[in-house]
Structure formats: structure tokens, C-alpha cells
Amino acid sequence: MQQRISERHTMDETPLVERLFLESFEVTSATEMDIDFDFGDLGMLVVRVDGQGRGQEVFFA
């Protein structure tokens, strides 16, 4: 049985800017880069950008 997110995690009142920590930059191809953020107990948040720095994708890893 699947639980709702609210049942698994309590709402953290800490501002997002204080919960995200830059972990690394990774060039994945000539036209792409991943920016990894440590998001505490929720895991790693990855922002994939193109060669111009425009966001292409955001996902948890």
C-alpha cells in the first residue's frame, strides 16, 4: 500500500535555501552539465542544463 508523502515526511520549516547544499558539477557531454544538490534525507536533486546554462531537466537521483 502506497503512503502519501505527507505521511512519510513531516514538513520541514527550514527555508529551501538552507536545506540545499551544492554537491558537484558534472559535465555529461559537450552540450550538457549536471548540477547536483544534496537535499538531505530526500537524496540528491539534479539540475541538468544545456551549454548555455538553460535548465533542461530536474530530477531526484
Protein backbone atom coordinates (compact mmCIF):
# COMPACT_ATOMS: atom_id res chain seq x y z
CA MET A 1 0.00 0.00 0.00
CA GLN A 2 1.41 3.36 -1.03
CA GLN A 3 1.63 6.13 1.57
CA ARG A 4 1.22 9.80 0.91
CA ILE A 5 4.35 11.93 1.07
CA SER A 6 2.88 13.86 4.00
CA GLU A 7 2.65 10.61 5.97
CA ARG A 8 6.25 9.66 5.26
CA HIS A 9 7.88 13.05 5.79
CA THR A 10 6.98 15.84 8.13
CA MET A 11 7.02 19.30 6.64
CA ASP A 12 10.38 20.93 7.34
CA GLU A 13 10.04 24.61 8.21
CA THR A 14 13.70 25.27 7.28
CA PRO A 15 13.88 27.51 4.18
CA LEU A 16 14.79 25.66 0.98
CA VAL A 17 17.94 27.74 0.50
CA GLU A 18 19.23 26.40 3.84
CA ARG A 19 18.42 22.75 3.01
CA LEU A 20 20.06 22.54 -0.42
CA PHE A 21 23.84 22.18 -0.49
CA LEU A 22 25.80 22.27 -3.73
CA GLU A 23 27.43 18.86 -4.08
CA SER A 24 29.08 18.90 -7.52
CA PHE A 25 29.15 19.98 -11.14
CA GLU A 26 29.46 17.24 -13.76
CA VAL A 27 29.97 17.83 -17.48
CA THR A 28 27.99 14.98 -19.04
CA SER A 29 28.59 15.89 -22.71
CA ALA A 30 29.85 18.73 -24.89
CA THR A 31 26.43 20.38 -24.61
CA GLU A 32 25.19 19.32 -21.17
CA MET A 33 26.08 19.68 -17.50
CA ASP A 34 24.52 18.33 -14.28
CA ILE A 35 24.49 20.41 -11.11
CA ASP A 36 23.97 18.19 -8.07
CA PHE A 37 22.50 19.40 -4.78
CA ASP A 38 22.42 17.41 -1.55
CA PHE A 39 18.79 17.63 -0.41
CA GLY A 40 19.24 15.97 2.98
CA ASP A 41 17.10 12.93 3.69
CA LEU A 42 15.33 13.30 0.33
CA GLY A 43 18.50 12.44 -1.58
CA MET A 44 20.24 14.23 -4.42
CA LEU A 45 18.48 16.87 -6.54
CA VAL A 46 19.98 17.12 -10.03
CA VAL A 47 19.52 20.10 -12.34
CA ARG A 48 20.56 19.37 -15.93
CA VAL A 49 21.44 22.41 -18.03
CA ASP A 50 22.40 22.88 -21.67
CA GLY A 51 25.58 24.54 -22.95
CA GLN A 52 24.02 27.98 -22.47
CA GLY A 53 23.08 27.28 -18.84
CA ARG A 54 19.35 26.89 -19.55
CA GLY A 55 17.56 24.33 -17.41
CA GLN A 56 16.55 21.18 -19.30
CA GLU A 57 15.56 18.74 -16.58
CA VAL A 58 15.26 18.45 -12.79
CA PHE A 59 15.11 15.09 -11.01
CA PHE A 60 15.96 13.24 -7.81
CA ALA A 61 18.83 10.76 -8.04
